[in-house]
């Protein structure tokens, strides 16, 4: 169901899943990017004109960051350690980010393939502060599709 004319997607409601399992306590998803290399060619035309042309080259892997509230569940850390310790098959997951309307109706889905955690960063810990502890996952993926 698309939005009404002129309305934009908001970050009010979204869902992130890994291998079909919803990730709870997601605070933020950002820095989603995937680039394509460009190939530049330079040549001379038959009449002596210098020609510069660019065309699409191979796609590159993408990256994203996800910030979650820490709950004490060791599953994410174990996933990261699997890859770091050489279990490359177990370290790769599929992910899905679903944008929703404020009432929860899915609008758009982005699918990510071959997702791996490349880093974990825990937020600041301050004594006496009444704030939740968060961690940020830096991830890479092979391909993404928007549907």
C-alpha atoms as a PDB file:
ATOM      1  CA  UNK A   1       0.000   0.000   0.000  1.00  0.00           C
ATOM      2  CA  UNK A   2       1.751   3.201  -1.104  1.00  0.00           C
ATOM      3  CA  UNK A   3       1.403   6.436   0.805  1.00  0.00           C
ATOM      4  CA  UNK A   4      -0.873   9.279  -0.352  1.00  0.00           C
ATOM      5  CA  UNK A   5       0.491  11.737  -2.901  1.00  0.00           C
ATOM      6  CA  UNK A   6       3.147  13.959  -1.378  1.00  0.00           C
ATOM      7  CA  UNK A   7       3.607  11.903   1.785  1.00  0.00           C
ATOM      8  CA  UNK A   8       7.089  10.667   2.633  1.00  0.00           C
ATOM      9  CA  UNK A   9       8.213   7.583   4.511  1.00  0.00           C
ATOM     10  CA  UNK A  10       9.002   8.265   8.139  1.00  0.00           C
ATOM     11  CA  UNK A  11      11.138   6.442  10.653  1.00  0.00           C
ATOM     12  CA  UNK A  12       8.167   6.235  12.979  1.00  0.00           C
ATOM     13  CA  UNK A  13       7.721   2.510  12.463  1.00  0.00           C
ATOM     14  CA  UNK A  14      10.063  -0.108  11.014  1.00  0.00           C
ATOM     15  CA  UNK A  15      11.096  -3.715  11.608  1.00  0.00           C
ATOM     16  CA  UNK A  16      14.477  -5.387  11.140  1.00  0.00           C
ATOM     17  CA  UNK A  17      14.783  -9.163  10.810  1.00  0.00           C
ATOM     18  CA  UNK A  18      17.799 -11.469  10.475  1.00  0.00           C
ATOM     19  CA  UNK A  19      17.130 -14.872   8.916  1.00  0.00           C
ATOM     20  CA  UNK A  20      13.414 -14.274   9.545  1.00  0.00           C
ATOM     21  CA  UNK A  21      13.907 -13.528  13.261  1.00  0.00           C
ATOM     22  CA  UNK A  22      12.738 -10.044  14.344  1.00  0.00           C
ATOM     23  CA  UNK A  23      15.465  -8.088  16.139  1.00  0.00           C
ATOM     24  CA  UNK A  24      14.010  -6.517  19.306  1.00  0.00           C
ATOM     25  CA  UNK A  25      14.957  -3.158  20.757  1.00  0.00           C
ATOM     26  CA  UNK A  26      16.300  -1.604  17.535  1.00  0.00           C
ATOM     27  CA  UNK A  27      16.917   2.066  18.216  1.00  0.00           C
ATOM     28  CA  UNK A  28      18.364   3.160  14.885  1.00  0.00           C
ATOM     29  CA  UNK A  29      19.280   1.847  11.431  1.00  0.00           C
ATOM     30  CA  UNK A  30      21.592   4.125   9.478  1.00  0.00           C
ATOM     31  CA  UNK A  31      24.360   4.459   6.919  1.00  0.00           C
ATOM     32  CA  UNK A  32      22.724   2.051   4.465  1.00  0.00           C
ATOM     33  CA  UNK A  33      24.829   2.323   1.338  1.00  0.00           C
ATOM     34  CA  UNK A  34      25.875   0.342  -1.692  1.00  0.00           C
ATOM     35  CA  UNK A  35      27.962   1.757  -4.511  1.00  0.00           C
ATOM     36  CA  UNK A  36      28.935   0.860  -8.030  1.00  0.00           C
ATOM     37  CA  UNK A  37      32.368   1.480  -9.473  1.00  0.00           C
ATOM     38  CA  UNK A  38      32.530   3.536 -12.619  1.00  0.00           C
ATOM     39  CA  UNK A  39      34.793   2.822 -15.553  1.00  0.00           C
ATOM     40  CA  UNK A  40      36.197   5.856 -17.295  1.00  0.00           C
ATOM     41  CA  UNK A  41      37.438   5.676 -20.853  1.00  0.00           C
ATOM     42  CA  UNK A  42      39.378   8.347 -22.704  1.00  0.00           C
ATOM     43  CA  UNK A  43      39.783   8.358 -26.447  1.00  0.00           C
ATOM     44  CA  UNK A  44      40.122  10.511 -29.526  1.00  0.00           C
ATOM     45  CA  UNK A  45      37.418  10.759 -32.143  1.00  0.00           C
ATOM     46  CA  UNK A  46      38.317  10.470 -35.844  1.00  0.00           C
ATOM     47  CA  UNK A  47      38.172  14.284 -36.105  1.00  0.00           C
ATOM     48  CA  UNK A  48      40.570  14.801 -33.159  1.00  0.00           C
ATOM     49  CA  UNK A  49      38.041  15.491 -30.384  1.00  0.00           C
ATOM     50  CA  UNK A  50      39.052  14.293 -26.908  1.00  0.00           C
ATOM     51  CA  UNK A  51      36.263  12.062 -25.553  1.00  0.00           C
ATOM     52  CA  UNK A  52      35.764  11.111 -21.907  1.00  0.00           C
ATOM     53  CA  UNK A  53      33.043   8.569 -21.204  1.00  0.00           C
ATOM     54  CA  UNK A  54      31.928   6.787 -18.054  1.00  0.00           C
ATOM     55  CA  UNK A  55      29.970   3.590 -17.706  1.00  0.00           C
ATOM     56  CA  UNK A  56      28.770   1.439 -14.867  1.00  0.00           C
ATOM     57  CA  UNK A  57      31.281  -1.053 -13.548  1.00  0.00           C
ATOM     58  CA  UNK A  58      30.961  -3.856 -11.037  1.00  0.00           C
ATOM     59  CA  UNK A  59      28.862  -3.313  -7.929  1.00  0.00           C
ATOM     60  CA  UNK A  60      30.590  -3.201  -4.567  1.00  0.00           C
ATOM     61  CA  UNK A  61      29.455  -4.691  -1.298  1.00  0.00           C
ATOM     62  CA  UNK A  62      27.283  -2.470   0.869  1.00  0.00           C
ATOM     63  CA  UNK A  63      27.226  -1.522   4.500  1.00  0.00           C
ATOM     64  CA  UNK A  64      24.810  -0.494   7.219  1.00  0.00           C
ATOM     65  CA  UNK A  65      24.789   0.202  10.930  1.00  0.00           C
ATOM     66  CA  UNK A  66      22.191  -0.873  13.477  1.00  0.00           C
ATOM     67  CA  UNK A  67      21.954   0.444  17.032  1.00  0.00           C
ATOM     68  CA  UNK A  68      20.092  -1.698  19.578  1.00  0.00           C
ATOM     69  CA  UNK A  69      19.412  -1.606  23.290  1.00  0.00           C
ATOM     70  CA  UNK A  70      21.634  -4.114  25.094  1.00  0.00           C
ATOM     71  CA  UNK A  71      19.588  -6.837  26.785  1.00  0.00           C
ATOM     72  CA  UNK A  72      22.302  -9.219  27.910  1.00  0.00           C
ATOM     73  CA  UNK A  73      21.466 -11.679  25.113  1.00  0.00           C
ATOM     74  CA  UNK A  74      24.800 -13.040  23.792  1.00  0.00           C
ATOM     75  CA  UNK A  75      23.411 -14.074  20.353  1.00  0.00           C
ATOM     76  CA  UNK A  76      24.746 -11.026  18.470  1.00  0.00           C
ATOM     77  CA  UNK A  77      28.203 -11.288  19.991  1.00  0.00           C
ATOM     78  CA  UNK A  78      28.287 -15.020  19.182  1.00  0.00           C
ATOM     79  CA  UNK A  79      27.316 -14.246  15.571  1.00  0.00           C
ATOM     80  CA  UNK A  80      30.215 -11.786  15.316  1.00  0.00           C
ATOM     81  CA  UNK A  81      32.656 -14.266  16.882  1.00  0.00           C
ATOM     82  CA  UNK A  82      31.570 -17.020  14.458  1.00  0.00           C
ATOM     83  CA  UNK A  83      32.876 -15.014  11.531  1.00  0.00           C
ATOM     84  CA  UNK A  84      35.953 -13.798  13.341  1.00  0.00           C
ATOM     85  CA  UNK A  85      36.851 -17.375  14.248  1.00  0.00           C
ATOM     86  CA  UNK A  86      36.504 -18.653  10.663  1.00  0.00           C
ATOM     87  CA  UNK A  87      32.911 -19.970  10.412  1.00  0.00           C
ATOM     88  CA  UNK A  88      32.152 -17.861   7.369  1.00  0.00           C
ATOM     89  CA  UNK A  89      29.032 -19.810   6.409  1.00  0.00           C
ATOM     90  CA  UNK A  90      27.491 -19.409   9.877  1.00  0.00           C
ATOM     91  CA  UNK A  91      28.473 -15.742   9.981  1.00  0.00           C
ATOM     92  CA  UNK A  92      26.426 -14.879   6.880  1.00  0.00           C
ATOM     93  CA  UNK A  93      22.738 -14.071   7.311  1.00  0.00           C
ATOM     94  CA  UNK A  94      19.927 -12.521   5.310  1.00  0.00           C
ATOM     95  CA  UNK A  95      18.280  -9.373   6.618  1.00  0.00           C
ATOM     96  CA  UNK A  96      15.129  -7.466   5.875  1.00  0.00           C
ATOM     97  CA  UNK A  97      14.192  -3.894   6.773  1.00  0.00           C
ATOM     98  CA  UNK A  98      10.467  -3.153   6.516  1.00  0.00           C
ATOM     99  CA  UNK A  99       9.198   0.435   6.569  1.00  0.00           C
ATOM    100  CA  UNK A 100       5.685   0.675   8.007  1.00  0.00           C
ATOM    101  CA  UNK A 101       2.927   3.239   8.326  1.00  0.00           C
ATOM    102  CA  UNK A 102       2.207   4.509  11.844  1.00  0.00           C
ATOM    103  CA  UNK A 103      -0.537   1.869  12.122  1.00  0.00           C
ATOM    104  CA  UNK A 104       1.927  -0.929  11.233  1.00  0.00           C
ATOM    105  CA  UNK A 105       1.052  -1.575   7.570  1.00  0.00           C
ATOM    106  CA  UNK A 106       4.186  -2.520   5.562  1.00  0.00           C
ATOM    107  CA  UNK A 107       4.997  -0.019   2.801  1.00  0.00           C
ATOM    108  CA  UNK A 108       8.458  -0.901   1.520  1.00  0.00           C
ATOM    109  CA  UNK A 109      10.969  -3.680   2.170  1.00  0.00           C
ATOM    110  CA  UNK A 110      14.716  -3.714   1.642  1.00  0.00           C
ATOM    111  CA  UNK A 111      16.296  -7.191   1.525  1.00  0.00           C
ATOM    112  CA  UNK A 112      20.007  -7.668   2.255  1.00  0.00           C
ATOM    113  CA  UNK A 113      21.929 -10.834   1.329  1.00  0.00           C
ATOM    114  CA  UNK A 114      25.094 -12.314   2.831  1.00  0.00           C
ATOM    115  CA  UNK A 115      25.053  -9.959   5.854  1.00  0.00           C
ATOM    116  CA  UNK A 116      28.051 -10.169   8.195  1.00  0.00           C
ATOM    117  CA  UNK A 117      28.918  -8.176  11.305  1.00  0.00           C
ATOM    118  CA  UNK A 118      32.236  -6.396  10.848  1.00  0.00           C
ATOM    119  CA  UNK A 119      32.287  -4.623  14.199  1.00  0.00           C
ATOM    120  CA  UNK A 120      30.499  -4.056  17.505  1.00  0.00           C
ATOM    121  CA  UNK A 121      30.714  -0.804  19.401  1.00  0.00           C
ATOM    122  CA  UNK A 122      29.152  -0.368  22.844  1.00  0.00           C
ATOM    123  CA  UNK A 123      27.812   3.038  23.818  1.00  0.00           C
ATOM    124  CA  UNK A 124      29.090   5.142  26.675  1.00  0.00           C
ATOM    125  CA  UNK A 125      28.637   3.782  30.170  1.00  0.00           C
ATOM    126  CA  UNK A 126      28.183   6.510  32.769  1.00  0.00           C
ATOM    127  CA  UNK A 127      27.840   5.773  36.470  1.00  0.00           C
ATOM    128  CA  UNK A 128      24.572   7.028  37.881  1.00  0.00           C
ATOM    129  CA  UNK A 129      23.048   7.840  34.481  1.00  0.00           C
ATOM    130  CA  UNK A 130      19.473   6.612  33.988  1.00  0.00           C
ATOM    131  CA  UNK A 131      20.009   5.656  30.342  1.00  0.00           C
ATOM    132  CA  UNK A 132      19.858   2.367  28.517  1.00  0.00           C
ATOM    133  CA  UNK A 133      23.053   0.728  27.305  1.00  0.00           C
ATOM    134  CA  UNK A 134      23.220   0.469  23.520  1.00  0.00           C
ATOM    135  CA  UNK A 135      25.504  -1.210  21.040  1.00  0.00           C
ATOM    136  CA  UNK A 136      26.044  -0.431  17.372  1.00  0.00           C
ATOM    137  CA  UNK A 137      26.618  -3.183  14.835  1.00  0.00           C
ATOM    138  CA  UNK A 138      28.574  -2.338  11.705  1.00  0.00           C
ATOM    139  CA  UNK A 139      27.595  -4.784   8.987  1.00  0.00           C
ATOM    140  CA  UNK A 140      28.442  -5.494   5.389  1.00  0.00           C
ATOM    141  CA  UNK A 141      26.236  -7.159   2.790  1.00  0.00           C
ATOM    142  CA  UNK A 142      26.692  -8.490  -0.729  1.00  0.00           C
ATOM    143  CA  UNK A 143      23.531  -7.202  -2.369  1.00  0.00           C
ATOM    144  CA  UNK A 144      20.297  -5.392  -1.577  1.00  0.00           C
ATOM    145  CA  UNK A 145      16.947  -5.323  -3.300  1.00  0.00           C
ATOM    146  CA  UNK A 146      14.125  -2.868  -2.740  1.00  0.00           C
ATOM    147  CA  UNK A 147      10.583  -4.100  -3.059  1.00  0.00           C
END
